[in-house]
C-alpha atoms as a PDB file:
ATOM      1  CA  MET A   1       7.855   7.140   7.613  1.00  0.00           C
ATOM      2  CA  GLU A   2       6.755   3.828   5.586  1.00  0.00           C
ATOM      3  CA  ASP A   3       9.057   1.409   3.704  1.00  0.00           C
ATOM      4  CA  ALA A   4       8.569   2.886   0.194  1.00  0.00           C
ATOM      5  CA  GLY A   5       9.702  -0.437  -1.419  1.00  0.00           C
ATOM      6  CA  GLY A   6       7.170  -2.296  -3.134  1.00  0.00           C
ATOM      7  CA  ALA A   7       3.867  -1.768  -4.119  1.00  0.00           C
ATOM      8  CA  SER A   8       1.640   0.272  -2.151  1.00  0.00           C
ATOM      9  CA  VAL A   9      -1.282   2.633  -2.060  1.00  0.00           C
ATOM     10  CA  TYR A  10      -1.575   5.503   0.481  1.00  0.00           C
ATOM     11  CA  GLY A  11       1.436   4.519   2.354  1.00  0.00           C
ATOM     12  CA  ALA A  12       0.455   0.910   3.163  1.00  0.00           C
ATOM     13  CA  SER A  13       1.526  -1.920   1.549  1.00  0.00           C
ATOM     14  CA  LEU A  14      -1.253  -3.943  -1.019  1.00  0.00           C
ATOM     15  CA  ALA A  15      -3.330  -6.278   0.837  1.00  0.00           C
ATOM     16  CA  GLY A  16      -2.716 -10.135   1.119  1.00  0.00           C
ATOM     17  CA  GLY A  17       0.492  -9.714   3.465  1.00  0.00           C
ATOM     18  CA  GLY A  18       0.664 -10.720   6.859  1.00  0.00           C
ATOM     19  CA  PHE A  19       0.688  -8.500   9.714  1.00  0.00           C
ATOM     20  CA  ASP A  20       4.368  -7.903  11.226  1.00  0.00           C
ATOM     21  CA  LEU A  21       4.326  -6.738  14.901  1.00  0.00           C
ATOM     22  CA  ASN A  22       7.865  -5.808  15.224  1.00  0.00           C
ATOM     23  CA  LYS A  23       8.076  -3.626  12.036  1.00  0.00           C
ATOM     24  CA  PHE A  24       4.725  -2.275  12.998  1.00  0.00           C
ATOM     25  CA  VAL A  25       6.112  -1.025  16.335  1.00  0.00           C
ATOM     26  CA  ARG A  26       9.258   0.503  15.122  1.00  0.00           C
ATOM     27  CA  GLN A  27       7.562   2.699  12.439  1.00  0.00           C
ATOM     28  CA  PRO A  28       8.220   6.482  13.308  1.00  0.00           C
ATOM     29  CA  GLN A  29       4.337   6.948  12.826  1.00  0.00           C
ATOM     30  CA  THR A  30       3.413   4.553  15.507  1.00  0.00           C
ATOM     31  CA  ILE A  31       6.133   5.805  17.962  1.00  0.00           C
ATOM     32  CA  VAL A  32       4.752   9.112  17.600  1.00  0.00           C
ATOM     33  CA  ARG A  33       1.323   8.047  18.193  1.00  0.00           C
ATOM     34  CA  LEU A  34       2.063   6.192  21.456  1.00  0.00           C
ATOM     35  CA  LEU A  35       3.953   9.270  22.573  1.00  0.00           C
ATOM     36  CA  SER A  36       0.805  11.450  21.954  1.00  0.00           C
ATOM     37  CA  TRP A  37      -1.505   8.575  23.515  1.00  0.00           C
ATOM     38  CA  VAL A  38       1.139   8.923  26.785  1.00  0.00           C
ATOM     39  CA  PHE A  39       1.146  12.985  26.727  1.00  0.00           C
ATOM     40  CA  ALA A  40      -2.701  13.101  26.506  1.00  0.00           C
ATOM     41  CA  MET A  41      -2.865  10.707  29.556  1.00  0.00           C
ATOM     42  CA  VAL A  42      -0.397  12.475  31.692  1.00  0.00           C
ATOM     43  CA  VAL A  43      -2.556  15.692  31.101  1.00  0.00           C
ATOM     44  CA  PHE A  44      -5.846  14.780  31.964  1.00  0.00           C
ATOM     45  CA  ALA A  45      -4.740  12.586  34.934  1.00  0.00           C
ATOM     46  CA  CYS A  46      -2.948  15.699  36.436  1.00  0.00           C
ATOM     47  CA  ILE A  47      -5.968  17.709  35.968  1.00  0.00           C
ATOM     48  CA  THR A  48      -8.409  15.126  37.570  1.00  0.00           C
ATOM     49  CA  THR A  49      -6.424  13.993  40.380  1.00  0.00           C
ATOM     50  CA  GLU A  50      -4.504  17.417  41.545  1.00  0.00           C
ATOM     51  CA  GLY A  51      -6.065  20.253  39.477  1.00  0.00           C
ATOM     52  CA  TYR A  52      -8.945  21.070  41.455  1.00  0.00           C
ATOM     53  CA  ILE A  53      -8.457  22.312  45.164  1.00  0.00           C
ATOM     54  CA  ASN A  54     -10.467  23.997  47.876  1.00  0.00           C
ATOM     55  CA  THR A  55      -9.600  27.878  48.737  1.00  0.00           C
ATOM     56  CA  PRO A  56     -10.077  29.092  52.207  1.00  0.00           C
ATOM     57  CA  GLN A  57     -12.910  31.652  51.064  1.00  0.00           C
ATOM     58  CA  SER A  58     -14.940  28.941  49.513  1.00  0.00           C
ATOM     59  CA  ALA A  59     -15.536  25.529  50.372  1.00  0.00           C
ATOM     60  CA  GLU A  60     -16.080  24.540  46.554  1.00  0.00           C
ATOM     61  CA  ALA A  61     -13.143  22.889  44.621  1.00  0.00           C
ATOM     62  CA  LYS A  62     -11.586  25.495  42.122  1.00  0.00           C
ATOM     63  CA  CYS A  63      -9.093  25.002  39.169  1.00  0.00           C
ATOM     64  CA  ILE A  64      -5.815  25.671  39.934  1.00  0.00           C
ATOM     65  CA  PHE A  65      -5.350  27.763  36.846  1.00  0.00           C
ATOM     66  CA  ASN A  66      -6.456  31.214  38.404  1.00  0.00           C
ATOM     67  CA  GLN A  67      -9.404  29.274  39.761  1.00  0.00           C
ATOM     68  CA  ASN A  68     -10.624  29.294  36.138  1.00  0.00           C
ATOM     69  CA  ASN A  69     -12.906  25.962  35.845  1.00  0.00           C
ATOM     70  CA  SER A  70     -13.304  26.320  32.237  1.00  0.00           C
ATOM     71  CA  ALA A  71      -9.799  25.748  31.577  1.00  0.00           C
ATOM     72  CA  CYS A  72      -9.364  22.611  33.493  1.00  0.00           C
ATOM     73  CA  HIS A  73     -12.428  21.400  31.785  1.00  0.00           C
ATOM     74  CA  TYR A  74     -10.924  22.319  28.313  1.00  0.00           C
ATOM     75  CA  ALA A  75      -7.631  20.324  28.859  1.00  0.00           C
ATOM     76  CA  VAL A  76      -9.318  17.341  30.472  1.00  0.00           C
ATOM     77  CA  THR A  77     -11.603  17.455  27.354  1.00  0.00           C
ATOM     78  CA  ILE A  78      -8.959  17.467  24.950  1.00  0.00           C
ATOM     79  CA  GLY A  79      -6.865  15.058  26.853  1.00  0.00           C
ATOM     80  CA  VAL A  80      -9.788  12.396  27.005  1.00  0.00           C
ATOM     81  CA  ILE A  81     -10.700  12.924  22.941  1.00  0.00           C
ATOM     82  CA  ALA A  82      -6.898  12.632  22.371  1.00  0.00           C
ATOM     83  CA  PHE A  83      -6.394   9.620  24.373  1.00  0.00           C
ATOM     84  CA  LEU A  84      -9.382   7.598  22.423  1.00  0.00           C
ATOM     85  CA  ALA A  85      -8.276   8.958  19.125  1.00  0.00           C
ATOM     86  CA  CYS A  86      -4.855   7.665  19.316  1.00  0.00           C
ATOM     87  CA  VAL A  87      -5.933   3.768  20.404  1.00  0.00           C
ATOM     88  CA  ALA A  88      -8.787   4.128  17.353  1.00  0.00           C
ATOM     89  CA  PHE A  89      -5.874   5.370  14.863  1.00  0.00           C
ATOM     90  CA  LEU A  90      -3.444   2.533  16.252  1.00  0.00           C
ATOM     91  CA  VAL A  91      -5.920   0.056  15.425  1.00  0.00           C
ATOM     92  CA  LEU A  92      -6.808   1.801  11.901  1.00  0.00           C
ATOM     93  CA  ASP A  93      -3.106   1.822  11.342  1.00  0.00           C
ATOM     94  CA  VAL A  94      -3.176  -2.088  12.180  1.00  0.00           C
ATOM     95  CA  TYR A  95      -5.823  -2.528   9.623  1.00  0.00           C
ATOM     96  CA  LEU A  96      -4.909  -0.500   7.046  1.00  0.00           C
ATOM     97  CA  PRO A  97      -2.892  -2.861   5.241  1.00  0.00           C
ATOM     98  CA  PHE A  98      -5.597  -5.514   4.895  1.00  0.00           C
ATOM     99  CA  MET A  99      -7.900  -2.780   3.019  1.00  0.00           C
ATOM    100  CA  SER A 100      -8.316  -3.877  -0.720  1.00  0.00           C
ATOM    101  CA  ASN A 101     -10.380  -1.006  -1.488  1.00  0.00           C
ATOM    102  CA  ALA A 102      -7.682   2.260  -2.399  1.00  0.00           C
ATOM    103  CA  GLN A 103     -11.101   4.221  -1.781  1.00  0.00           C
ATOM    104  CA  GLU A 104     -11.507   3.065   1.686  1.00  0.00           C
ATOM    105  CA  ARG A 105      -7.907   3.624   2.627  1.00  0.00           C
ATOM    106  CA  LYS A 106      -7.761   7.084   1.257  1.00  0.00           C
ATOM    107  CA  TYR A 107     -10.894   8.044   3.871  1.00  0.00           C
ATOM    108  CA  ALA A 108      -8.716   6.474   6.547  1.00  0.00           C
ATOM    109  CA  VAL A 109      -5.651   8.620   5.650  1.00  0.00           C
ATOM    110  CA  MET A 110      -7.918  11.795   5.293  1.00  0.00           C
ATOM    111  CA  ALA A 111      -9.608  11.235   8.572  1.00  0.00           C
ATOM    112  CA  ASP A 112      -6.049  10.838  10.074  1.00  0.00           C
ATOM    113  CA  LEU A 113      -4.969  14.036   8.308  1.00  0.00           C
ATOM    114  CA  GLY A 114      -7.825  15.971   9.525  1.00  0.00           C
ATOM    115  CA  PHE A 115      -8.238  14.842  13.201  1.00  0.00           C
ATOM    116  CA  SER A 116      -4.185  15.015  13.295  1.00  0.00           C
ATOM    117  CA  GLY A 117      -4.160  18.664  12.070  1.00  0.00           C
ATOM    118  CA  ALA A 118      -6.831  19.895  14.212  1.00  0.00           C
ATOM    119  CA  TRP A 119      -5.866  18.536  17.487  1.00  0.00           C
ATOM    120  CA  ALA A 120      -2.447  20.019  17.020  1.00  0.00           C
ATOM    121  CA  PHE A 121      -4.390  23.200  16.816  1.00  0.00           C
ATOM    122  CA  LEU A 122      -6.438  22.399  19.718  1.00  0.00           C
ATOM    123  CA  TRP A 123      -3.407  21.650  21.872  1.00  0.00           C
ATOM    124  CA  PHE A 124      -1.895  24.873  20.980  1.00  0.00           C
ATOM    125  CA  VAL A 125      -5.117  26.629  22.117  1.00  0.00           C
ATOM    126  CA  CYS A 126      -4.831  24.463  25.272  1.00  0.00           C
ATOM    127  CA  PHE A 127      -1.278  25.166  26.075  1.00  0.00           C
ATOM    128  CA  CYS A 128      -1.631  28.822  25.735  1.00  0.00           C
ATOM    129  CA  LEU A 129      -4.560  29.069  27.935  1.00  0.00           C
ATOM    130  CA  LEU A 130      -3.099  27.139  30.597  1.00  0.00           C
ATOM    131  CA  ALA A 131       0.065  29.129  30.451  1.00  0.00           C
ATOM    132  CA  ASN A 132      -2.023  32.392  30.527  1.00  0.00           C
ATOM    133  CA  GLN A 133      -3.883  31.470  33.479  1.00  0.00           C
ATOM    134  CA  TRP A 134      -1.436  30.073  35.478  1.00  0.00           C
ATOM    135  CA  GLY A 135       0.633  33.760  34.985  1.00  0.00           C
ATOM    136  CA  ARG A 136      -2.361  34.920  36.191  1.00  0.00           C
ATOM    137  CA  THR A 137      -2.577  32.889  39.374  1.00  0.00           C
ATOM    138  CA  GLN A 138      -1.953  34.798  42.573  1.00  0.00           C
ATOM    139  CA  ASP A 139      -1.365  32.584  45.521  1.00  0.00           C
ATOM    140  CA  VAL A 140       0.487  29.459  44.639  1.00  0.00           C
ATOM    141  CA  ARG A 141       1.648  28.553  48.172  1.00  0.00           C
ATOM    142  CA  ALA A 142      -1.414  25.820  48.372  1.00  0.00           C
ATOM    143  CA  ILE A 143      -1.034  24.751  44.773  1.00  0.00           C
ATOM    144  CA  PRO A 144       0.545  21.611  43.607  1.00  0.00           C
ATOM    145  CA  GLN A 145       2.845  23.400  41.280  1.00  0.00           C
ATOM    146  CA  ASP A 146       4.531  20.348  39.736  1.00  0.00           C
ATOM    147  CA  ALA A 147       1.086  19.020  38.452  1.00  0.00           C
ATOM    148  CA  ALA A 148       0.571  22.593  36.858  1.00  0.00           C
ATOM    149  CA  HIS A 149       3.836  22.556  35.400  1.00  0.00           C
ATOM    150  CA  ALA A 150       3.563  19.075  33.848  1.00  0.00           C
ATOM    151  CA  THR A 151      -0.103  19.916  32.527  1.00  0.00           C
ATOM    152  CA  ILE A 152       1.500  22.962  30.564  1.00  0.00           C
ATOM    153  CA  ALA A 153       4.272  20.789  29.551  1.00  0.00           C
ATOM    154  CA  PHE A 154       2.867  18.026  28.356  1.00  0.00           C
ATOM    155  CA  SER A 155       0.341  20.223  26.182  1.00  0.00           C
ATOM    156  CA  PHE A 156       3.210  21.880  24.493  1.00  0.00           C
ATOM    157  CA  PHE A 157       4.752  18.341  23.820  1.00  0.00           C
ATOM    158  CA  SER A 158       1.585  16.978  22.420  1.00  0.00           C
ATOM    159  CA  ILE A 159       1.477  20.204  19.732  1.00  0.00           C
ATOM    160  CA  ALA A 160       4.722  18.548  18.635  1.00  0.00           C
ATOM    161  CA  THR A 161       3.385  15.070  18.128  1.00  0.00           C
ATOM    162  CA  TRP A 162       0.110  15.850  16.780  1.00  0.00           C
ATOM    163  CA  GLY A 163       2.007  18.079  14.380  1.00  0.00           C
ATOM    164  CA  ILE A 164       4.400  15.101  13.234  1.00  0.00           C
ATOM    165  CA  LEU A 165       1.319  12.813  12.682  1.00  0.00           C
ATOM    166  CA  ALA A 166      -0.302  15.561  10.664  1.00  0.00           C
ATOM    167  CA  TYR A 167       2.866  15.746   8.749  1.00  0.00           C
ATOM    168  CA  TYR A 168       2.941  11.738   8.171  1.00  0.00           C
ATOM    169  CA  GLY A 169      -0.641  11.806   7.264  1.00  0.00           C
ATOM    170  CA  LEU A 170      -0.059  14.854   4.367  1.00  0.00           C
ATOM    171  CA  VAL A 171       3.032  12.512   3.235  1.00  0.00           C
ATOM    172  CA  ARG A 172       1.048   9.274   2.992  1.00  0.00           C
ATOM    173  CA  PHE A 173      -1.918  11.221   1.470  1.00  0.00           C
ATOM    174  CA  ARG A 174       0.348  12.912  -1.339  1.00  0.00           C
ATOM    175  CA  ARG A 175       2.266   9.380  -1.966  1.00  0.00           C
ATOM    176  CA  GLY A 176      -1.132   7.548  -2.338  1.00  0.00           C
ATOM    177  CA  THR A 177      -2.217  10.175  -4.741  1.00  0.00           C
ATOM    178  CA  THR A 178       0.713  10.049  -6.955  1.00  0.00           C
ATOM    179  CA  GLU A 179       0.450   6.107  -7.183  1.00  0.00           C
ATOM    180  CA  VAL A 180      -3.171   6.086  -7.715  1.00  0.00           C
ATOM    181  CA  THR A 181      -2.853   8.065 -10.825  1.00  0.00           C
ATOM    182  CA  LEU A 182       0.274   6.576 -12.127  1.00  0.00           C
ATOM    183  CA  PRO A 183      -0.384   4.816 -15.284  1.00  0.00           C
ATOM    184  CA  THR A 184      -0.466   0.945 -14.973  1.00  0.00           C
ATOM    185  CA  HIS A 185       1.480   0.540 -18.020  1.00  0.00           C
ATOM    186  CA  ALA A 186       3.304   2.487 -20.885  1.00  0.00           C
ATOM    187  CA  VAL A 187       2.589   2.157 -24.467  1.00  0.00           C
ATOM    188  CA  PRO A 188       6.058   2.196 -26.516  1.00  0.00           C
ATOM    189  CA  PRO A 189       6.578   5.156 -28.863  1.00  0.00           C
ATOM    190  CA  SER A 190       6.442   4.123 -32.485  1.00  0.00           C
ATOM    191  CA  ASP A 191       9.480   3.899 -34.733  1.00  0.00           C
ATOM    192  CA  HIS A 192       8.920   6.320 -37.173  1.00  0.00           C
ATOM    193  CA  HIS A 193      12.517   5.004 -38.918  1.00  0.00           C
ATOM    194  CA  THR A 194      11.127   1.400 -40.163  1.00  0.00           C
ATOM    195  CA  SER A 195       9.263   1.146 -43.476  1.00  0.00           C
ATOM    196  CA  TYR A 196       6.878  -1.140 -42.258  1.00  0.00           C
ATOM    197  CA  PRO A 197       3.786   0.112 -40.462  1.00  0.00           C
ATOM    198  CA  PRO A 198       3.529  -0.299 -36.554  1.00  0.00           C
ATOM    199  CA  THR A 199       0.530  -2.608 -37.147  1.00  0.00           C
ATOM    200  CA  TYR A 200       0.037  -5.043 -39.535  1.00  0.00           C
ATOM    201  CA  PRO A 201      -4.087  -5.918 -40.678  1.00  0.00           C
ATOM    202  CA  PRO A 202      -4.997  -9.600 -40.202  1.00  0.00           C
ATOM    203  CA  THR A 203      -4.920 -11.379 -43.581  1.00  0.00           C
ATOM    204  CA  THR A 204      -7.748 -13.107 -44.990  1.00  0.00           C
ATOM    205  CA  TYR A 205      -6.662 -16.834 -45.183  1.00  0.00           C
ATOM    206  CA  ASN A 206      -8.330 -18.870 -48.225  1.00  0.00           C
ATOM    207  CA  PRO A 207      -8.196 -22.656 -48.198  1.00  0.00           C
ATOM    208  CA  THR A 208      -7.752 -24.284 -51.824  1.00  0.00           C
ATOM    209  CA  THR A 209      -8.912 -27.649 -52.588  1.00  0.00           C
ATOM    210  CA  TYR A 210      -6.390 -30.564 -53.148  1.00  0.00           C
ATOM    211  CA  THR A 211      -6.992 -32.530 -56.644  1.00  0.00           C
ATOM    212  CA  PRO A 212      -4.998 -35.728 -57.208  1.00  0.00           C
ATOM    213  CA  THR A 213      -3.215 -35.870 -59.955  1.00  0.00           C
ATOM    214  CA  SER A 214      -4.344 -38.578 -62.599  1.00  0.00           C
ATOM    215  CA  TYR A 215      -1.150 -40.274 -63.514  1.00  0.00           C
ATOM    216  CA  ALA A 216      -2.759 -42.249 -66.343  1.00  0.00           C
ATOM    217  CA  ALA A 217      -3.486 -39.342 -68.108  1.00  0.00           C
ATOM    218  CA  TYR A 218      -0.025 -38.367 -68.549  1.00  0.00           C
ATOM    219  CA  PRO A 219       1.585 -38.927 -71.475  1.00  0.00           C
ATOM    220  CA  SER A 220       5.089 -40.823 -71.192  1.00  0.00           C
ATOM    221  CA  SER A 221       8.103 -39.810 -73.319  1.00  0.00           C
ATOM    222  CA  MET A 222      10.256 -42.916 -72.677  1.00  0.00           C
ATOM    223  CA  PRO A 223      10.590 -46.005 -75.274  1.00  0.00           C
ATOM    224  CA  ASP A 224       8.853 -49.128 -74.350  1.00  0.00           C
ATOM    225  CA  MET A 225      10.996 -51.398 -72.606  1.00  0.00           C
ATOM    226  CA  PRO A 226      10.514 -55.095 -73.478  1.00  0.00           C
ATOM    227  CA  GLN A 227       9.125 -57.254 -70.928  1.00  0.00           C
ATOM    228  CA  PRO A 228      10.454 -60.093 -69.254  1.00  0.00           C
ATOM    229  CA  PRO A 229       9.005 -63.550 -70.283  1.00  0.00           C
ATOM    230  CA  PRO A 230       6.633 -65.367 -67.944  1.00  0.00           C
ATOM    231  CA  PHE A 231       8.241 -67.468 -65.394  1.00  0.00           C
ATOM    232  CA  SER A 232       9.260 -70.948 -66.179  1.00  0.00           C
ATOM    233  CA  SER A 233      10.207 -74.250 -64.105  1.00  0.00           C
ATOM    234  CA  LYS A 234      12.873 -75.151 -66.679  1.00  0.00           C
ATOM    235  CA  PRO A 235      14.995 -72.406 -67.366  1.00  0.00           C
ATOM    236  CA  GLN A 236      17.101 -72.487 -70.443  1.00  0.00           C
ATOM    237  CA  PRO A 237      20.547 -73.150 -70.127  1.00  0.00           C
ATOM    238  CA  GLN A 238      22.849 -70.273 -71.241  1.00  0.00           C
ATOM    239  CA  GLY A 239      25.799 -70.341 -73.130  1.00  0.00           C
ATOM    240  CA  ASP A 240      27.080 -73.479 -76.019  1.00  0.00           C
ATOM    241  CA  VAL A 241      23.545 -75.365 -76.181  1.00  0.00           C
ATOM    242  CA  GLY A 242      25.405 -78.425 -77.875  1.00  0.00           C
ATOM    243  CA  TYR A 243      27.413 -79.302 -75.077  1.00  0.00           C
ATOM    244  CA  LEU A 244      26.454 -82.472 -73.491  1.00  0.00           C
ATOM    245  CA  PRO A 245      28.090 -83.879 -70.105  1.00  0.00           C
ATOM    246  CA  PRO A 246      30.527 -87.055 -70.243  1.00  0.00           C
ATOM    247  CA  ASN A 247      29.361 -90.496 -69.098  1.00  0.00           C
ATOM    248  CA  TYR A 248      31.429 -92.167 -66.695  1.00  0.00           C
END
């Protein structure tokens, strides 16, 4: 599962971060996808190398599963497509965090979910078909039984891995849908206990013209003060005017 912390859309962090290879390889979805890649390679490799043998009655090579060539063709086709799809979805998982468009991420997750669910069902059909045809095979002495058993076993393992991938895709799709529909901000509730309205209309500002005050026209209630005499170079002595300094 992807890290739930931080902002993300459809199970992937928002675009703008760098690619962490160590974290990507350790993700459960990446590990399961690599296992699906290996299982698909084992199935079609076993059939293409040891899945056809010649019978004493015919020189033409026949499928080891009850000489039913359709069973071998079906298993090879499912295995090859699964092998290529695992590579494609691994590249898509690497590119997904760098997608800035949430709609593109949604389509990528939906493609992963739909393909994984479909291939889990097709691997189930492949397992049932191979197991049924192997049970009907009469003479198994000249047949490489290890290859037949490995093909059936890894077909069964592929059901589990692709089912897990479908589950991861469903979880990522549901998480992305929830994150996209969540509101980006919450409006605080209005306080009904206060006497003031929650919003205030803007007031109209009317500038006033300043008029200077004329102090000359202001009547004065103070009595007139005597004005000092004009400046004189010879000030009159104060005190006794009849005093004369002695002569020595």
